[in-house]
Amino acid sequence: MRFQSRHGALRHEKEFPQEYRVDVGLEVDLAVAGTSDRLADTVDYTQVVAAVQDILDGPSRNLLETLAESIAARLLQWPQVKTATVRVRKMAPPLPVVLDWAEVEVERRRGEGR
């Protein structure tokens, strides 16, 4: 997923949109959906996209880690999601050297104490 959003520890990062890319992997029991062919029996990826966009469009965070943790926590609110793996990339972060992106990845499992 690609977003234009305003996050970062520096003032200008909060003022000017930058490109973010988010990858999400979910562990879900797909046995029922695999035989029923019903969207109601699985996780609707349009809802996943909406949840991620809601967080990227929400209050500005200083850290990529906070964005990734917030996304994972939101996705784990759905009872059928057992594990959420979230990768957040900030493309071309404002540094004095050329850097294609900065990236964090978190994997969170239902019931983990965080």
C-alpha atoms as a PDB file:
ATOM      1  CA  MET A   1       0.000   0.000   0.000  1.00  0.00           C
ATOM      2  CA  ARG A   2       1.238   3.511  -0.749  1.00  0.00           C
ATOM      3  CA  PHE A   3       0.286   6.633   1.157  1.00  0.00           C
ATOM      4  CA  GLN A   4       1.226  10.286   1.364  1.00  0.00           C
ATOM      5  CA  SER A   5       1.361  11.151   5.041  1.00  0.00           C
ATOM      6  CA  ARG A   6       2.936  13.455   7.629  1.00  0.00           C
ATOM      7  CA  HIS A   7       4.941  11.577  10.244  1.00  0.00           C
ATOM      8  CA  GLY A   8       8.414  12.018  11.691  1.00  0.00           C
ATOM      9  CA  ALA A   9      10.402  13.455  14.541  1.00  0.00           C
ATOM     10  CA  LEU A  10      11.272  16.672  12.689  1.00  0.00           C
ATOM     11  CA  ARG A  11       8.891  19.611  12.273  1.00  0.00           C
ATOM     12  CA  HIS A  12       9.097  19.701   8.474  1.00  0.00           C
ATOM     13  CA  GLU A  13       8.219  15.977   8.335  1.00  0.00           C
ATOM     14  CA  LYS A  14       4.939  16.804  10.051  1.00  0.00           C
ATOM     15  CA  GLU A  15       4.242  19.721   7.705  1.00  0.00           C
ATOM     16  CA  PHE A  16       4.977  18.203   4.279  1.00  0.00           C
ATOM     17  CA  PRO A  17       3.581  14.856   3.093  1.00  0.00           C
ATOM     18  CA  GLN A  18       6.052  12.097   2.310  1.00  0.00           C
ATOM     19  CA  GLU A  19       5.571   8.707   0.702  1.00  0.00           C
ATOM     20  CA  TYR A  20       5.038   5.724   2.974  1.00  0.00           C
ATOM     21  CA  ARG A  21       4.675   2.111   1.921  1.00  0.00           C
ATOM     22  CA  VAL A  22       3.027  -0.438   4.149  1.00  0.00           C
ATOM     23  CA  ASP A  23       3.015  -4.224   3.747  1.00  0.00           C
ATOM     24  CA  VAL A  24       0.760  -6.371   5.893  1.00  0.00           C
ATOM     25  CA  GLY A  25       0.777 -10.137   6.389  1.00  0.00           C
ATOM     26  CA  LEU A  26      -1.946 -11.785   8.440  1.00  0.00           C
ATOM     27  CA  GLU A  27      -2.135 -15.281   9.868  1.00  0.00           C
ATOM     28  CA  VAL A  28      -5.768 -16.339   9.605  1.00  0.00           C
ATOM     29  CA  ASP A  29      -7.440 -19.769   9.553  1.00  0.00           C
ATOM     30  CA  LEU A  30      -8.696 -19.900   5.976  1.00  0.00           C
ATOM     31  CA  ALA A  31     -10.272 -23.378   6.066  1.00  0.00           C
ATOM     32  CA  VAL A  32     -13.877 -22.155   6.145  1.00  0.00           C
ATOM     33  CA  ALA A  33     -13.369 -19.391   3.570  1.00  0.00           C
ATOM     34  CA  GLY A  34     -11.476 -21.801   1.341  1.00  0.00           C
ATOM     35  CA  THR A  35     -14.514 -24.035   1.035  1.00  0.00           C
ATOM     36  CA  SER A  36     -17.392 -21.562   1.440  1.00  0.00           C
ATOM     37  CA  ASP A  37     -16.118 -18.910  -1.013  1.00  0.00           C
ATOM     38  CA  ARG A  38     -17.829 -16.291   1.185  1.00  0.00           C
ATOM     39  CA  LEU A  39     -16.173 -12.970   1.984  1.00  0.00           C
ATOM     40  CA  ALA A  40     -17.858 -13.022   5.394  1.00  0.00           C
ATOM     41  CA  ASP A  41     -15.720 -16.062   6.322  1.00  0.00           C
ATOM     42  CA  THR A  42     -12.369 -14.303   5.926  1.00  0.00           C
ATOM     43  CA  VAL A  43     -10.645 -10.961   6.445  1.00  0.00           C
ATOM     44  CA  ASP A  44     -11.809  -8.457   3.830  1.00  0.00           C
ATOM     45  CA  TYR A  45      -8.666  -6.768   2.500  1.00  0.00           C
ATOM     46  CA  THR A  46     -10.617  -3.578   1.760  1.00  0.00           C
ATOM     47  CA  GLN A  47     -11.122  -3.304   5.524  1.00  0.00           C
ATOM     48  CA  VAL A  48      -7.398  -3.915   6.066  1.00  0.00           C
ATOM     49  CA  VAL A  49      -6.564  -1.075   3.664  1.00  0.00           C
ATOM     50  CA  ALA A  50      -9.110   1.207   5.373  1.00  0.00           C
ATOM     51  CA  ALA A  51      -7.645   0.439   8.818  1.00  0.00           C
ATOM     52  CA  VAL A  52      -4.089   1.161   7.662  1.00  0.00           C
ATOM     53  CA  GLN A  53      -5.161   4.353   5.911  1.00  0.00           C
ATOM     54  CA  ASP A  54      -7.001   5.506   9.029  1.00  0.00           C
ATOM     55  CA  ILE A  55      -3.783   5.237  11.030  1.00  0.00           C
ATOM     56  CA  LEU A  56      -1.582   6.877   8.368  1.00  0.00           C
ATOM     57  CA  ASP A  57      -4.123   9.704   8.016  1.00  0.00           C
ATOM     58  CA  GLY A  58      -4.491  10.060  11.799  1.00  0.00           C
ATOM     59  CA  PRO A  59      -2.426  11.972  14.327  1.00  0.00           C
ATOM     60  CA  SER A  60       1.226  12.417  13.410  1.00  0.00           C
ATOM     61  CA  ARG A  61       3.626   9.942  15.012  1.00  0.00           C
ATOM     62  CA  ASN A  62       7.338  10.552  15.514  1.00  0.00           C
ATOM     63  CA  LEU A  63       8.508   7.002  14.826  1.00  0.00           C
ATOM     64  CA  LEU A  64       7.959   4.354  12.176  1.00  0.00           C
ATOM     65  CA  GLU A  65       7.903   1.891  15.071  1.00  0.00           C
ATOM     66  CA  THR A  66       4.817   3.595  16.501  1.00  0.00           C
ATOM     67  CA  LEU A  67       3.036   3.458  13.141  1.00  0.00           C
ATOM     68  CA  ALA A  68       3.824  -0.257  12.744  1.00  0.00           C
ATOM     69  CA  GLU A  69       2.729  -1.084  16.302  1.00  0.00           C
ATOM     70  CA  SER A  70      -0.506   0.889  15.881  1.00  0.00           C
ATOM     71  CA  ILE A  71      -1.349  -0.903  12.642  1.00  0.00           C
ATOM     72  CA  ALA A  72      -0.609  -4.345  14.128  1.00  0.00           C
ATOM     73  CA  ALA A  73      -2.726  -3.598  17.204  1.00  0.00           C
ATOM     74  CA  ARG A  74      -5.655  -2.458  15.047  1.00  0.00           C
ATOM     75  CA  LEU A  75      -5.520  -5.575  12.862  1.00  0.00           C
ATOM     76  CA  LEU A  76      -5.345  -7.866  15.882  1.00  0.00           C
ATOM     77  CA  GLN A  77      -8.682  -6.447  17.039  1.00  0.00           C
ATOM     78  CA  TRP A  78     -10.339  -8.691  14.449  1.00  0.00           C
ATOM     79  CA  PRO A  79     -10.949 -12.030  16.154  1.00  0.00           C
ATOM     80  CA  GLN A  80      -9.941 -14.159  13.157  1.00  0.00           C
ATOM     81  CA  VAL A  81      -6.441 -12.577  12.951  1.00  0.00           C
ATOM     82  CA  LYS A  82      -3.914 -14.654  14.913  1.00  0.00           C
ATOM     83  CA  THR A  83      -0.720 -12.848  13.851  1.00  0.00           C
ATOM     84  CA  ALA A  84      -0.092  -9.519  12.128  1.00  0.00           C
ATOM     85  CA  THR A  85       3.202  -8.730  10.430  1.00  0.00           C
ATOM     86  CA  VAL A  86       3.547  -5.078   9.455  1.00  0.00           C
ATOM     87  CA  ARG A  87       6.343  -3.432   7.487  1.00  0.00           C
ATOM     88  CA  VAL A  88       6.380   0.364   7.246  1.00  0.00           C
ATOM     89  CA  ARG A  89       8.744   2.133   4.851  1.00  0.00           C
ATOM     90  CA  LYS A  90       9.360   5.858   4.661  1.00  0.00           C
ATOM     91  CA  MET A  91      10.600   6.557   1.166  1.00  0.00           C
ATOM     92  CA  ALA A  92      13.524   8.971   0.739  1.00  0.00           C
ATOM     93  CA  PRO A  93      13.693  10.125   4.361  1.00  0.00           C
ATOM     94  CA  PRO A  94      15.141  13.613   4.852  1.00  0.00           C
ATOM     95  CA  LEU A  95      18.780  12.822   5.584  1.00  0.00           C
ATOM     96  CA  PRO A  96      22.050  14.429   4.474  1.00  0.00           C
ATOM     97  CA  VAL A  97      22.814  11.251   2.451  1.00  0.00           C
ATOM     98  CA  VAL A  98      20.816   9.495  -0.249  1.00  0.00           C
ATOM     99  CA  LEU A  99      18.730   6.764   1.341  1.00  0.00           C
ATOM    100  CA  ASP A 100      16.041   4.968  -0.655  1.00  0.00           C
ATOM    101  CA  TRP A 101      13.971   4.256   2.445  1.00  0.00           C
ATOM    102  CA  ALA A 102      13.935   3.667   6.176  1.00  0.00           C
ATOM    103  CA  GLU A 103      12.004   0.605   7.294  1.00  0.00           C
ATOM    104  CA  VAL A 104      10.737  -1.194  10.362  1.00  0.00           C
ATOM    105  CA  GLU A 105       8.921  -4.498  10.635  1.00  0.00           C
ATOM    106  CA  VAL A 106       6.963  -5.854  13.583  1.00  0.00           C
ATOM    107  CA  GLU A 107       5.241  -9.178  14.082  1.00  0.00           C
ATOM    108  CA  ARG A 108       2.625  -9.336  16.782  1.00  0.00           C
ATOM    109  CA  ARG A 109       0.614 -12.349  17.900  1.00  0.00           C
ATOM    110  CA  ARG A 110      -2.763 -12.334  19.586  1.00  0.00           C
ATOM    111  CA  GLY A 111      -2.359 -12.526  23.345  1.00  0.00           C
ATOM    112  CA  GLU A 112       1.167 -11.112  23.457  1.00  0.00           C
ATOM    113  CA  GLY A 113       1.589  -8.859  26.455  1.00  0.00           C
ATOM    114  CA  ARG A 114       2.660  -5.456  25.076  1.00  0.00           C
END
